[in-house]
PDB file of N, CA and C in Angstrom:
ATOM      1  N   UNK A   1      80.663 102.544 -25.667  1.00  0.00           N
ATOM      2  CA  UNK A   1      79.297 102.497 -26.067  1.00  0.00           C
ATOM      3  C   UNK A   1      78.506 102.005 -24.850  1.00  0.00           C
ATOM      4  N   UNK A   2      79.042 101.252 -24.008  1.00  0.00           N
ATOM      5  CA  UNK A   2      78.259 100.802 -22.944  1.00  0.00           C
ATOM      6  C   UNK A   2      77.745 101.862 -21.902  1.00  0.00           C
ATOM      7  N   UNK A   3      78.506 102.969 -21.850  1.00  0.00           N
ATOM      8  CA  UNK A   3      78.206 104.078 -21.069  1.00  0.00           C
ATOM      9  C   UNK A   3      76.943 104.741 -21.688  1.00  0.00           C
ATOM     10  N   UNK A   4      76.975 104.930 -22.916  1.00  0.00           N
ATOM     11  CA  UNK A   4      75.743 105.496 -23.552  1.00  0.00           C
ATOM     12  C   UNK A   4      74.532 104.603 -23.424  1.00  0.00           C
ATOM     13  N   UNK A   5      74.701 103.294 -23.583  1.00  0.00           N
ATOM     14  CA  UNK A   5      73.577 102.317 -23.338  1.00  0.00           C
ATOM     15  C   UNK A   5      73.129 102.452 -21.959  1.00  0.00           C
ATOM     16  N   UNK A   6      73.967 102.560 -20.959  1.00  0.00           N
ATOM     17  CA  UNK A   6      73.478 102.666 -19.554  1.00  0.00           C
ATOM     18  C   UNK A   6      72.841 103.998 -19.333  1.00  0.00           C
ATOM     19  N   UNK A   7      73.289 105.015 -19.832  1.00  0.00           N
ATOM     20  CA  UNK A   7      72.538 106.362 -19.727  1.00  0.00           C
ATOM     21  C   UNK A   7      71.201 106.228 -20.303  1.00  0.00           C
ATOM     22  N   UNK A   8      70.978 105.669 -21.495  1.00  0.00           N
ATOM     23  CA  UNK A   8      69.738 105.474 -22.054  1.00  0.00           C
ATOM     24  C   UNK A   8      68.764 104.584 -21.193  1.00  0.00           C
ATOM     25  N   UNK A   9      69.306 103.590 -20.563  1.00  0.00           N
ATOM     26  CA  UNK A   9      68.518 102.843 -19.644  1.00  0.00           C
ATOM     27  C   UNK A   9      68.023 103.589 -18.455  1.00  0.00           C
ATOM     28  N   UNK A  10      68.925 104.444 -17.966  1.00  0.00           N
ATOM     29  CA  UNK A  10      68.500 105.340 -16.831  1.00  0.00           C
ATOM     30  C   UNK A  10      67.375 106.373 -17.300  1.00  0.00           C
ATOM     31  N   UNK A  11      67.595 106.906 -18.576  1.00  0.00           N
ATOM     32  CA  UNK A  11      66.511 107.799 -19.019  1.00  0.00           C
ATOM     33  C   UNK A  11      65.254 107.061 -19.203  1.00  0.00           C
ATOM     34  N   UNK A  12      65.243 105.824 -19.740  1.00  0.00           N
ATOM     35  CA  UNK A  12      64.109 104.992 -19.827  1.00  0.00           C
ATOM     36  C   UNK A  12      63.371 104.755 -18.502  1.00  0.00           C
ATOM     37  N   UNK A  13      64.209 104.508 -17.426  1.00  0.00           N
ATOM     38  CA  UNK A  13      63.537 104.309 -16.167  1.00  0.00           C
ATOM     39  C   UNK A  13      62.942 105.575 -15.544  1.00  0.00           C
ATOM     40  N   UNK A  14      63.663 106.749 -15.931  1.00  0.00           N
ATOM     41  CA  UNK A  14      63.076 108.117 -15.591  1.00  0.00           C
ATOM     42  C   UNK A  14      61.741 108.392 -16.257  1.00  0.00           C
ATOM     43  N   UNK A  15      61.665 107.926 -17.536  1.00  0.00           N
ATOM     44  CA  UNK A  15      60.405 108.002 -18.224  1.00  0.00           C
ATOM     45  C   UNK A  15      59.263 107.130 -17.586  1.00  0.00           C
ATOM     46  N   UNK A  16      59.593 105.999 -17.101  1.00  0.00           N
ATOM     47  CA  UNK A  16      58.598 105.103 -16.355  1.00  0.00           C
ATOM     48  C   UNK A  16      58.173 105.802 -15.078  1.00  0.00           C
ATOM     49  N   UNK A  17      59.243 106.385 -14.335  1.00  0.00           N
ATOM     50  CA  UNK A  17      58.810 107.134 -13.158  1.00  0.00           C
ATOM     51  C   UNK A  17      58.020 108.262 -13.371  1.00  0.00           C
ATOM     52  N   UNK A  18      58.173 108.997 -14.519  1.00  0.00           N
ATOM     53  CA  UNK A  18      57.283 110.201 -14.840  1.00  0.00           C
ATOM     54  C   UNK A  18      55.813 109.681 -15.038  1.00  0.00           C
ATOM     55  N   UNK A  19      55.696 108.641 -15.681  1.00  0.00           N
ATOM     56  CA  UNK A  19      54.421 108.121 -16.011  1.00  0.00           C
ATOM     57  C   UNK A  19      53.728 107.634 -14.726  1.00  0.00           C
ATOM     58  N   UNK A  20      54.300 106.756 -13.996  1.00  0.00           N
ATOM     59  CA  UNK A  20      53.718 106.168 -12.860  1.00  0.00           C
ATOM     60  C   UNK A  20      53.663 107.120 -11.740  1.00  0.00           C
ATOM     61  N   UNK A  21      54.644 107.957 -11.552  1.00  0.00           N
ATOM     62  CA  UNK A  21      54.628 109.042 -10.499  1.00  0.00           C
ATOM     63  C   UNK A  21      53.566 110.012 -10.844  1.00  0.00           C
ATOM     64  N   UNK A  22      53.463 110.468 -12.054  1.00  0.00           N
ATOM     65  CA  UNK A  22      52.526 111.364 -12.521  1.00  0.00           C
ATOM     66  C   UNK A  22      51.020 110.828 -12.264  1.00  0.00           C
ATOM     67  N   UNK A  23      50.815 109.619 -12.561  1.00  0.00           N
ATOM     68  CA  UNK A  23      49.633 108.888 -12.303  1.00  0.00           C
ATOM     69  C   UNK A  23      49.247 108.952 -10.747  1.00  0.00           C
ATOM     70  N   UNK A  24      50.123 108.544 -10.037  1.00  0.00           N
ATOM     71  CA  UNK A  24      49.933 108.447  -8.598  1.00  0.00           C
ATOM     72  C   UNK A  24      49.689 109.858  -8.000  1.00  0.00           C
ATOM     73  N   UNK A  25      50.205 110.907  -8.549  1.00  0.00           N
ATOM     74  CA  UNK A  25      49.971 112.237  -8.058  1.00  0.00           C
ATOM     75  C   UNK A  25      48.652 112.758  -8.448  1.00  0.00           C
ATOM     76  N   UNK A  26      48.065 112.278  -9.394  1.00  0.00           N
ATOM     77  CA  UNK A  26      46.782 112.749  -9.800  1.00  0.00           C
ATOM     78  C   UNK A  26      45.623 111.682  -9.490  1.00  0.00           C
ATOM     79  N   UNK A  27      45.936 110.763  -8.720  1.00  0.00           N
ATOM     80  CA  UNK A  27      44.933 109.744  -8.570  1.00  0.00           C
ATOM     81  C   UNK A  27      43.596 110.163  -7.834  1.00  0.00           C
ATOM     82  N   UNK A  28      43.739 111.203  -6.953  1.00  0.00           N
ATOM     83  CA  UNK A  28      42.374 111.622  -6.305  1.00  0.00           C
ATOM     84  C   UNK A  28      41.534 112.355  -7.308  1.00  0.00           C
ATOM     85  N   UNK A  29      42.127 113.031  -8.195  1.00  0.00           N
ATOM     86  CA  UNK A  29      41.380 113.731  -9.282  1.00  0.00           C
ATOM     87  C   UNK A  29      42.072 113.322 -10.735  1.00  0.00           C
ATOM     88  N   UNK A  30      41.636 112.131 -11.167  1.00  0.00           N
ATOM     89  CA  UNK A  30      42.344 111.507 -12.295  1.00  0.00           C
ATOM     90  C   UNK A  30      42.465 112.460 -13.590  1.00  0.00           C
ATOM     91  N   UNK A  31      43.593 112.746 -14.126  1.00  0.00           N
ATOM     92  CA  UNK A  31      43.573 113.386 -15.386  1.00  0.00           C
ATOM     93  C   UNK A  31      45.045 113.130 -16.059  1.00  0.00           C
ATOM     94  N   UNK A  32      45.133 113.255 -17.252  1.00  0.00           N
ATOM     95  CA  UNK A  32      46.456 113.018 -17.817  1.00  0.00           C
ATOM     96  C   UNK A  32      47.352 114.283 -17.802  1.00  0.00           C
ATOM     97  N   UNK A  33      48.290 114.225 -16.963  1.00  0.00           N
ATOM     98  CA  UNK A  33      49.173 115.351 -16.834  1.00  0.00           C
ATOM     99  C   UNK A  33      50.244 115.488 -17.860  1.00  0.00           C
ATOM    100  N   UNK A  34      50.761 116.668 -17.999  1.00  0.00           N
ATOM    101  CA  UNK A  34      51.853 116.882 -19.067  1.00  0.00           C
ATOM    102  C   UNK A  34      53.128 116.001 -18.665  1.00  0.00           C
ATOM    103  N   UNK A  35      53.326 115.733 -17.442  1.00  0.00           N
ATOM    104  CA  UNK A  35      54.439 114.919 -16.971  1.00  0.00           C
ATOM    105  C   UNK A  35      54.212 113.500 -17.587  1.00  0.00           C
ATOM    106  N   UNK A  36      52.996 113.024 -17.490  1.00  0.00           N
ATOM    107  CA  UNK A  36      52.760 111.675 -18.010  1.00  0.00           C
ATOM    108  C   UNK A  36      52.933 111.623 -19.505  1.00  0.00           C
ATOM    109  N   UNK A  37      52.520 112.543 -20.232  1.00  0.00           N
ATOM    110  CA  UNK A  37      52.718 112.499 -21.663  1.00  0.00           C
ATOM    111  C   UNK A  37      54.125 112.515 -22.113  1.00  0.00           C
ATOM    112  N   UNK A  38      54.863 113.453 -21.337  1.00  0.00           N
ATOM    113  CA  UNK A  38      56.298 113.415 -21.675  1.00  0.00           C
ATOM    114  C   UNK A  38      56.956 112.118 -21.160  1.00  0.00           C
ATOM    115  N   UNK A  39      56.593 111.541 -20.117  1.00  0.00           N
ATOM    116  CA  UNK A  39      57.092 110.292 -19.708  1.00  0.00           C
ATOM    117  C   UNK A  39      56.819 109.216 -20.728  1.00  0.00           C
ATOM    118  N   UNK A  40      55.594 109.205 -21.275  1.00  0.00           N
ATOM    119  CA  UNK A  40      55.277 108.180 -22.236  1.00  0.00           C
ATOM    120  C   UNK A  40      56.241 108.325 -23.546  1.00  0.00           C
ATOM    121  N   UNK A  41      56.337 109.576 -23.940  1.00  0.00           N
ATOM    122  CA  UNK A  41      57.171 109.874 -25.108  1.00  0.00           C
ATOM    123  C   UNK A  41      58.601 109.363 -24.926  1.00  0.00           C
ATOM    124  N   UNK A  42      59.176 109.665 -23.722  1.00  0.00           N
ATOM    125  CA  UNK A  42      60.476 109.272 -23.385  1.00  0.00           C
ATOM    126  C   UNK A  42      60.713 107.839 -23.291  1.00  0.00           C
ATOM    127  N   UNK A  43      59.661 107.225 -22.707  1.00  0.00           N
ATOM    128  CA  UNK A  43      59.645 105.775 -22.716  1.00  0.00           C
ATOM    129  C   UNK A  43      59.754 105.135 -24.007  1.00  0.00           C
ATOM    130  N   UNK A  44      58.913 105.554 -24.955  1.00  0.00           N
ATOM    131  CA  UNK A  44      58.832 104.959 -26.258  1.00  0.00           C
ATOM    132  C   UNK A  44      60.101 105.174 -27.091  1.00  0.00           C
ATOM    133  N   UNK A  45      60.683 106.418 -27.015  1.00  0.00           N
ATOM    134  CA  UNK A  45      61.775 106.809 -27.859  1.00  0.00           C
ATOM    135  C   UNK A  45      63.034 106.206 -27.330  1.00  0.00           C
ATOM    136  N   UNK A  46      63.306 106.165 -26.001  1.00  0.00           N
ATOM    137  CA  UNK A  46      64.474 105.596 -25.222  1.00  0.00           C
ATOM    138  C   UNK A  46      64.446 104.024 -25.369  1.00  0.00           C
ATOM    139  N   UNK A  47      63.161 103.440 -25.461  1.00  0.00           N
ATOM    140  CA  UNK A  47      63.160 102.061 -25.579  1.00  0.00           C
ATOM    141  C   UNK A  47      63.529 101.582 -26.971  1.00  0.00           C
ATOM    142  N   UNK A  48      63.108 102.277 -27.900  1.00  0.00           N
ATOM    143  CA  UNK A  48      63.537 102.096 -29.270  1.00  0.00           C
ATOM    144  C   UNK A  48      65.055 102.166 -29.563  1.00  0.00           C
ATOM    145  N   UNK A  49      65.556 103.293 -28.850  1.00  0.00           N
ATOM    146  CA  UNK A  49      67.087 103.434 -29.124  1.00  0.00           C
ATOM    147  C   UNK A  49      67.907 102.362 -28.376  1.00  0.00           C
ATOM    148  N   UNK A  50      67.377 101.974 -27.205  1.00  0.00           N
ATOM    149  CA  UNK A  50      68.015 100.971 -26.357  1.00  0.00           C
ATOM    150  C   UNK A  50      68.037  99.588 -27.165  1.00  0.00           C
ATOM    151  N   UNK A  51      66.957  99.218 -27.743  1.00  0.00           N
ATOM    152  CA  UNK A  51      66.875  98.056 -28.532  1.00  0.00           C
ATOM    153  C   UNK A  51      67.703  98.149 -29.734  1.00  0.00           C
ATOM    154  N   UNK A  52      67.675  99.209 -30.398  1.00  0.00           N
ATOM    155  CA  UNK A  52      68.483  99.442 -31.642  1.00  0.00           C
ATOM    156  C   UNK A  52      69.971  99.375 -31.334  1.00  0.00           C
ATOM    157  N   UNK A  53      70.469 100.020 -30.251  1.00  0.00           N
ATOM    158  CA  UNK A  53      71.747  99.843 -29.912  1.00  0.00           C
ATOM    159  C   UNK A  53      72.198  98.515 -29.508  1.00  0.00           C
ATOM    160  N   UNK A  54      71.307  97.791 -28.742  1.00  0.00           N
ATOM    161  CA  UNK A  54      71.582  96.472 -28.346  1.00  0.00           C
ATOM    162  C   UNK A  54      71.701  95.523 -29.546  1.00  0.00           C
ATOM    163  N   UNK A  55      70.952  95.753 -30.505  1.00  0.00           N
ATOM    164  CA  UNK A  55      70.969  94.936 -31.734  1.00  0.00           C
ATOM    165  C   UNK A  55      72.174  95.168 -32.675  1.00  0.00           C
ATOM    166  N   UNK A  56      72.441  96.476 -32.676  1.00  0.00           N
ATOM    167  CA  UNK A  56      73.557  96.968 -33.680  1.00  0.00           C
ATOM    168  C   UNK A  56      74.992  96.888 -33.155  1.00  0.00           C
ATOM    169  N   UNK A  57      75.189  96.980 -31.833  1.00  0.00           N
ATOM    170  CA  UNK A  57      76.496  96.994 -31.262  1.00  0.00           C
ATOM    171  C   UNK A  57      76.834  95.629 -30.783  1.00  0.00           C
ATOM    172  N   UNK A  58      77.712  94.904 -31.357  1.00  0.00           N
ATOM    173  CA  UNK A  58      77.923  93.572 -30.975  1.00  0.00           C
ATOM    174  C   UNK A  58      78.660  93.560 -29.548  1.00  0.00           C
ATOM    175  N   UNK A  59      79.476  94.535 -29.312  1.00  0.00           N
ATOM    176  CA  UNK A  59      80.153  94.523 -28.106  1.00  0.00           C
ATOM    177  C   UNK A  59      79.373  94.750 -26.796  1.00  0.00           C
ATOM    178  N   UNK A  60      78.099  95.117 -26.986  1.00  0.00           N
ATOM    179  CA  UNK A  60      77.098  95.169 -25.852  1.00  0.00           C
ATOM    180  C   UNK A  60      76.739  93.723 -25.430  1.00  0.00           C
ATOM    181  N   UNK A  61      76.692  92.847 -26.291  1.00  0.00           N
ATOM    182  CA  UNK A  61      76.357  91.417 -25.976  1.00  0.00           C
ATOM    183  C   UNK A  61      74.886  91.330 -25.599  1.00  0.00           C
ATOM    184  N   UNK A  62      73.991  92.108 -26.159  1.00  0.00           N
ATOM    185  CA  UNK A  62      72.554  91.922 -25.912  1.00  0.00           C
ATOM    186  C   UNK A  62      71.991  90.917 -26.964  1.00  0.00           C
ATOM    187  N   UNK A  63      71.059  90.134 -26.377  1.00  0.00           N
ATOM    188  CA  UNK A  63      70.335  89.168 -27.137  1.00  0.00           C
ATOM    189  C   UNK A  63      68.844  89.272 -26.672  1.00  0.00           C
ATOM    190  N   UNK A  64      68.039  90.123 -27.356  1.00  0.00           N
ATOM    191  CA  UNK A  64      66.690  90.371 -26.974  1.00  0.00           C
ATOM    192  C   UNK A  64      65.691  89.289 -27.392  1.00  0.00           C
ATOM    193  N   UNK A  65      64.664  89.152 -26.501  1.00  0.00           N
ATOM    194  CA  UNK A  65      63.458  88.239 -26.858  1.00  0.00           C
ATOM    195  C   UNK A  65      62.612  89.130 -27.652  1.00  0.00           C
ATOM    196  N   UNK A  66      62.583  88.860 -28.963  1.00  0.00           N
ATOM    197  CA  UNK A  66      61.756  89.765 -29.899  1.00  0.00           C
ATOM    198  C   UNK A  66      60.254  89.740 -29.626  1.00  0.00           C
ATOM    199  N   UNK A  67      59.838  88.677 -29.106  1.00  0.00           N
ATOM    200  CA  UNK A  67      58.413  88.682 -28.782  1.00  0.00           C
ATOM    201  C   UNK A  67      58.124  89.527 -27.643  1.00  0.00           C
ATOM    202  N   UNK A  68      59.035  89.571 -26.578  1.00  0.00           N
ATOM    203  CA  UNK A  68      58.792  90.414 -25.442  1.00  0.00           C
ATOM    204  C   UNK A  68      58.902  91.843 -25.856  1.00  0.00           C
ATOM    205  N   UNK A  69      59.858  92.154 -26.788  1.00  0.00           N
ATOM    206  CA  UNK A  69      60.102  93.543 -27.236  1.00  0.00           C
ATOM    207  C   UNK A  69      58.889  94.042 -28.021  1.00  0.00           C
ATOM    208  N   UNK A  70      58.322  93.102 -28.818  1.00  0.00           N
ATOM    209  CA  UNK A  70      57.088  93.399 -29.597  1.00  0.00           C
ATOM    210  C   UNK A  70      55.897  93.749 -28.796  1.00  0.00           C
ATOM    211  N   UNK A  71      55.666  92.952 -27.715  1.00  0.00           N
ATOM    212  CA  UNK A  71      54.564  93.235 -26.797  1.00  0.00           C
ATOM    213  C   UNK A  71      54.795  94.489 -26.118  1.00  0.00           C
ATOM    214  N   UNK A  72      56.003  94.753 -25.554  1.00  0.00           N
ATOM    215  CA  UNK A  72      56.264  95.996 -24.955  1.00  0.00           C
ATOM    216  C   UNK A  72      56.160  97.256 -25.792  1.00  0.00           C
ATOM    217  N   UNK A  73      56.553  97.145 -27.124  1.00  0.00           N
ATOM    218  CA  UNK A  73      56.352  98.217 -28.091  1.00  0.00           C
ATOM    219  C   UNK A  73      54.951  98.565 -28.221  1.00  0.00           C
ATOM    220  N   UNK A  74      54.040  97.549 -28.487  1.00  0.00           N
ATOM    221  CA  UNK A  74      52.625  97.792 -28.731  1.00  0.00           C
ATOM    222  C   UNK A  74      52.052  98.437 -27.428  1.00  0.00           C
ATOM    223  N   UNK A  75      52.337  97.921 -26.318  1.00  0.00           N
ATOM    224  CA  UNK A  75      51.816  98.574 -25.081  1.00  0.00           C
ATOM    225  C   UNK A  75      52.214 100.068 -25.079  1.00  0.00           C
ATOM    226  N   UNK A  76      53.573 100.260 -25.305  1.00  0.00           N
ATOM    227  CA  UNK A  76      54.114 101.560 -25.256  1.00  0.00           C
ATOM    228  C   UNK A  76      53.406 102.537 -26.189  1.00  0.00           C
ATOM    229  N   UNK A  77      53.137 102.004 -27.470  1.00  0.00           N
ATOM    230  CA  UNK A  77      52.513 102.758 -28.501  1.00  0.00           C
ATOM    231  C   UNK A  77      51.049 103.190 -28.001  1.00  0.00           C
ATOM    232  N   UNK A  78      50.374 102.318 -27.291  1.00  0.00           N
ATOM    233  CA  UNK A  78      48.948 102.433 -26.761  1.00  0.00           C
ATOM    234  C   UNK A  78      49.018 103.517 -25.674  1.00  0.00           C
ATOM    235  N   UNK A  79      50.072 103.393 -24.762  1.00  0.00           N
ATOM    236  CA  UNK A  79      50.274 104.374 -23.702  1.00  0.00           C
ATOM    237  C   UNK A  79      50.536 105.692 -24.344  1.00  0.00           C
ATOM    238  N   UNK A  80      51.279 105.956 -25.282  1.00  0.00           N
ATOM    239  CA  UNK A  80      51.595 107.231 -25.835  1.00  0.00           C
ATOM    240  C   UNK A  80      50.377 107.746 -26.491  1.00  0.00           C
ATOM    241  N   UNK A  81      49.687 107.016 -27.301  1.00  0.00           N
ATOM    242  CA  UNK A  81      48.491 107.427 -27.943  1.00  0.00           C
ATOM    243  C   UNK A  81      47.402 107.858 -26.904  1.00  0.00           C
ATOM    244  N   UNK A  82      47.224 107.089 -25.946  1.00  0.00           N
ATOM    245  CA  UNK A  82      46.059 107.326 -24.963  1.00  0.00           C
ATOM    246  C   UNK A  82      46.450 108.637 -24.181  1.00  0.00           C
ATOM    247  N   UNK A  83      47.841 108.738 -23.873  1.00  0.00           N
ATOM    248  CA  UNK A  83      48.217 109.952 -23.101  1.00  0.00           C
ATOM    249  C   UNK A  83      48.018 111.111 -23.919  1.00  0.00           C
ATOM    250  N   UNK A  84      48.381 111.090 -25.206  1.00  0.00           N
ATOM    251  CA  UNK A  84      48.369 112.357 -26.129  1.00  0.00           C
ATOM    252  C   UNK A  84      46.838 112.632 -26.336  1.00  0.00           C
ATOM    253  N   UNK A  85      46.066 111.702 -26.557  1.00  0.00           N
ATOM    254  CA  UNK A  85      44.562 111.907 -26.796  1.00  0.00           C
ATOM    255  C   UNK A  85      43.996 112.442 -25.515  1.00  0.00           C
ATOM    256  N   UNK A  86      44.222 111.827 -24.421  1.00  0.00           N
ATOM    257  CA  UNK A  86      43.652 112.308 -23.084  1.00  0.00           C
ATOM    258  C   UNK A  86      44.013 113.714 -22.781  1.00  0.00           C
ATOM    259  N   UNK A  87      45.362 113.986 -22.990  1.00  0.00           N
ATOM    260  CA  UNK A  87      45.803 115.416 -22.680  1.00  0.00           C
ATOM    261  C   UNK A  87      45.119 116.454 -23.586  1.00  0.00           C
ATOM    262  N   UNK A  88      45.123 116.094 -24.971  1.00  0.00           N
ATOM    263  CA  UNK A  88      44.484 116.997 -25.883  1.00  0.00           C
ATOM    264  C   UNK A  88      42.932 117.172 -25.466  1.00  0.00           C
ATOM    265  N   UNK A  89      42.267 116.258 -25.145  1.00  0.00           N
ATOM    266  CA  UNK A  89      40.885 116.296 -24.868  1.00  0.00           C
ATOM    267  C   UNK A  89      40.679 117.153 -23.511  1.00  0.00           C
ATOM    268  N   UNK A  90      41.559 116.990 -22.662  1.00  0.00           N
ATOM    269  CA  UNK A  90      41.556 117.676 -21.363  1.00  0.00           C
ATOM    270  C   UNK A  90      41.798 119.179 -21.563  1.00  0.00           C
ATOM    271  N   UNK A  91      42.538 119.565 -22.436  1.00  0.00           N
ATOM    272  CA  UNK A  91      42.948 120.903 -22.811  1.00  0.00           C
ATOM    273  C   UNK A  91      41.707 121.630 -23.406  1.00  0.00           C
ATOM    274  N   UNK A  92      40.877 120.767 -24.024  1.00  0.00           N
ATOM    275  CA  UNK A  92      39.634 121.343 -24.695  1.00  0.00           C
ATOM    276  C   UNK A  92      38.520 121.264 -23.698  1.00  0.00           C
ATOM    277  N   UNK A  93      38.633 120.798 -22.433  1.00  0.00           N
ATOM    278  CA  UNK A  93      37.645 120.724 -21.454  1.00  0.00           C
ATOM    279  C   UNK A  93      36.782 119.441 -21.508  1.00  0.00           C
ATOM    280  N   UNK A  94      37.265 118.438 -22.321  1.00  0.00           N
ATOM    281  CA  UNK A  94      36.635 117.244 -22.470  1.00  0.00           C
ATOM    282  C   UNK A  94      37.256 116.089 -21.826  1.00  0.00           C
ATOM    283  N   UNK A  95      37.900 116.331 -20.610  1.00  0.00           N
ATOM    284  CA  UNK A  95      38.675 115.362 -19.910  1.00  0.00           C
ATOM    285  C   UNK A  95      37.865 114.262 -19.435  1.00  0.00           C
ATOM    286  N   UNK A  96      38.632 113.018 -19.451  1.00  0.00           N
ATOM    287  CA  UNK A  96      37.884 111.779 -19.039  1.00  0.00           C
ATOM    288  C   UNK A  96      38.967 111.064 -18.147  1.00  0.00           C
ATOM    289  N   UNK A  97      38.576 110.910 -16.800  1.00  0.00           N
ATOM    290  CA  UNK A  97      39.488 110.260 -15.980  1.00  0.00           C
ATOM    291  C   UNK A  97      40.055 108.818 -16.395  1.00  0.00           C
ATOM    292  N   UNK A  98      39.230 108.131 -17.252  1.00  0.00           N
ATOM    293  CA  UNK A  98      39.660 106.808 -17.715  1.00  0.00           C
ATOM    294  C   UNK A  98      40.907 106.829 -18.446  1.00  0.00           C
ATOM    295  N   UNK A  99      41.185 107.940 -19.168  1.00  0.00           N
ATOM    296  CA  UNK A  99      42.460 108.073 -19.885  1.00  0.00           C
ATOM    297  C   UNK A  99      43.658 107.975 -18.991  1.00  0.00           C
ATOM    298  N   UNK A 100      43.605 108.658 -17.779  1.00  0.00           N
ATOM    299  CA  UNK A 100      44.742 108.653 -16.868  1.00  0.00           C
ATOM    300  C   UNK A 100      44.915 107.307 -16.334  1.00  0.00           C
ATOM    301  N   UNK A 101      43.705 106.597 -15.924  1.00  0.00           N
ATOM    302  CA  UNK A 101      43.873 105.178 -15.427  1.00  0.00           C
ATOM    303  C   UNK A 101      44.586 104.160 -16.498  1.00  0.00           C
ATOM    304  N   UNK A 102      44.085 104.432 -17.766  1.00  0.00           N
ATOM    305  CA  UNK A 102      44.652 103.470 -18.779  1.00  0.00           C
ATOM    306  C   UNK A 102      46.126 103.712 -18.927  1.00  0.00           C
ATOM    307  N   UNK A 103      46.497 104.946 -18.970  1.00  0.00           N
ATOM    308  CA  UNK A 103      48.023 105.352 -19.081  1.00  0.00           C
ATOM    309  C   UNK A 103      48.879 104.804 -17.859  1.00  0.00           C
ATOM    310  N   UNK A 104      48.264 104.997 -16.674  1.00  0.00           N
ATOM    311  CA  UNK A 104      49.093 104.541 -15.474  1.00  0.00           C
ATOM    312  C   UNK A 104      49.179 103.080 -15.326  1.00  0.00           C
ATOM    313  N   UNK A 105      47.979 102.429 -15.533  1.00  0.00           N
ATOM    314  CA  UNK A 105      47.989 100.954 -15.461  1.00  0.00           C
ATOM    315  C   UNK A 105      48.731 100.203 -16.419  1.00  0.00           C
ATOM    316  N   UNK A 106      48.660 100.727 -17.785  1.00  0.00           N
ATOM    317  CA  UNK A 106      49.424 100.040 -18.797  1.00  0.00           C
ATOM    318  C   UNK A 106      50.876 100.281 -18.637  1.00  0.00           C
ATOM    319  N   UNK A 107      51.325 101.481 -18.045  1.00  0.00           N
ATOM    320  CA  UNK A 107      52.775 101.690 -17.797  1.00  0.00           C
ATOM    321  C   UNK A 107      53.229 100.707 -16.694  1.00  0.00           C
ATOM    322  N   UNK A 108      52.441 100.438 -15.742  1.00  0.00           N
ATOM    323  CA  UNK A 108      52.831  99.393 -14.702  1.00  0.00           C
ATOM    324  C   UNK A 108      52.876  98.016 -15.251  1.00  0.00           C
ATOM    325  N   UNK A 109      51.977  97.662 -16.170  1.00  0.00           N
ATOM    326  CA  UNK A 109      51.936  96.398 -16.925  1.00  0.00           C
ATOM    327  C   UNK A 109      53.105  96.227 -17.726  1.00  0.00           C
ATOM    328  N   UNK A 110      53.604  97.270 -18.353  1.00  0.00           N
ATOM    329  CA  UNK A 110      54.785  97.234 -19.201  1.00  0.00           C
ATOM    330  C   UNK A 110      56.063  97.116 -18.273  1.00  0.00           C
ATOM    331  N   UNK A 111      56.139  97.728 -17.243  1.00  0.00           N
ATOM    332  CA  UNK A 111      57.269  97.533 -16.259  1.00  0.00           C
ATOM    333  C   UNK A 111      57.241  96.005 -15.761  1.00  0.00           C
ATOM    334  N   UNK A 112      56.053  95.541 -15.441  1.00  0.00           N
ATOM    335  CA  UNK A 112      55.986  94.099 -14.989  1.00  0.00           C
ATOM    336  C   UNK A 112      56.415  93.152 -16.067  1.00  0.00           C
ATOM    337  N   UNK A 113      56.064  93.379 -17.229  1.00  0.00           N
ATOM    338  CA  UNK A 113      56.401  92.578 -18.423  1.00  0.00           C
ATOM    339  C   UNK A 113      58.042  92.624 -18.534  1.00  0.00           C
ATOM    340  N   UNK A 114      58.556  93.749 -18.377  1.00  0.00           N
ATOM    341  CA  UNK A 114      60.074  93.916 -18.464  1.00  0.00           C
ATOM    342  C   UNK A 114      60.737  93.121 -17.429  1.00  0.00           C
ATOM    343  N   UNK A 115      60.185  93.059 -16.316  1.00  0.00           N
ATOM    344  CA  UNK A 115      60.817  92.312 -15.163  1.00  0.00           C
ATOM    345  C   UNK A 115      60.495  90.750 -15.085  1.00  0.00           C
ATOM    346  N   UNK A 116      59.218  90.500 -15.366  1.00  0.00           N
ATOM    347  CA  UNK A 116      58.756  89.074 -15.047  1.00  0.00           C
ATOM    348  C   UNK A 116      58.905  88.150 -16.295  1.00  0.00           C
ATOM    349  N   UNK A 117      58.865  88.770 -17.556  1.00  0.00           N
ATOM    350  CA  UNK A 117      59.029  87.881 -18.759  1.00  0.00           C
ATOM    351  C   UNK A 117      60.537  87.572 -18.928  1.00  0.00           C
ATOM    352  N   UNK A 118      60.845  86.345 -18.554  1.00  0.00           N
ATOM    353  CA  UNK A 118      62.243  85.943 -18.627  1.00  0.00           C
ATOM    354  C   UNK A 118      62.413  84.804 -19.667  1.00  0.00           C
ATOM    355  N   UNK A 119      63.602  84.562 -20.030  1.00  0.00           N
ATOM    356  CA  UNK A 119      63.980  83.490 -20.980  1.00  0.00           C
ATOM    357  C   UNK A 119      64.519  82.311 -20.373  1.00  0.00           C
ATOM    358  N   UNK A 120      63.908  81.534 -19.725  1.00  0.00           N
ATOM    359  CA  UNK A 120      64.251  80.267 -19.055  1.00  0.00           C
ATOM    360  C   UNK A 120      64.147  79.123 -20.010  1.00  0.00           C
TER     361      UNK A 120
END
């Protein structure tokens, strides 16, 4: 089960790379790209599965900080919602560069929370 868990963590990191990399690639002309939308979807779904497996499978030995997971979940939901809305509006010709900035910055904030919020 640990192999599956580690694969999911790698997928989760690839989702973050898609959001942040997609944001950096459109920084001169900000827009929400399809890569950013799919990265946000992957982040949310893989994060949910990672926490679900960690909580359900005793042999993984995971003990999550539920406050941290809750904050990250809320931010991830906002990232997905803003990415979806921004991409849909852009397809209709109503694009707003602020959507891209919100998605990119919140993805970085979520990564920083993952790394810096520790249980000391």
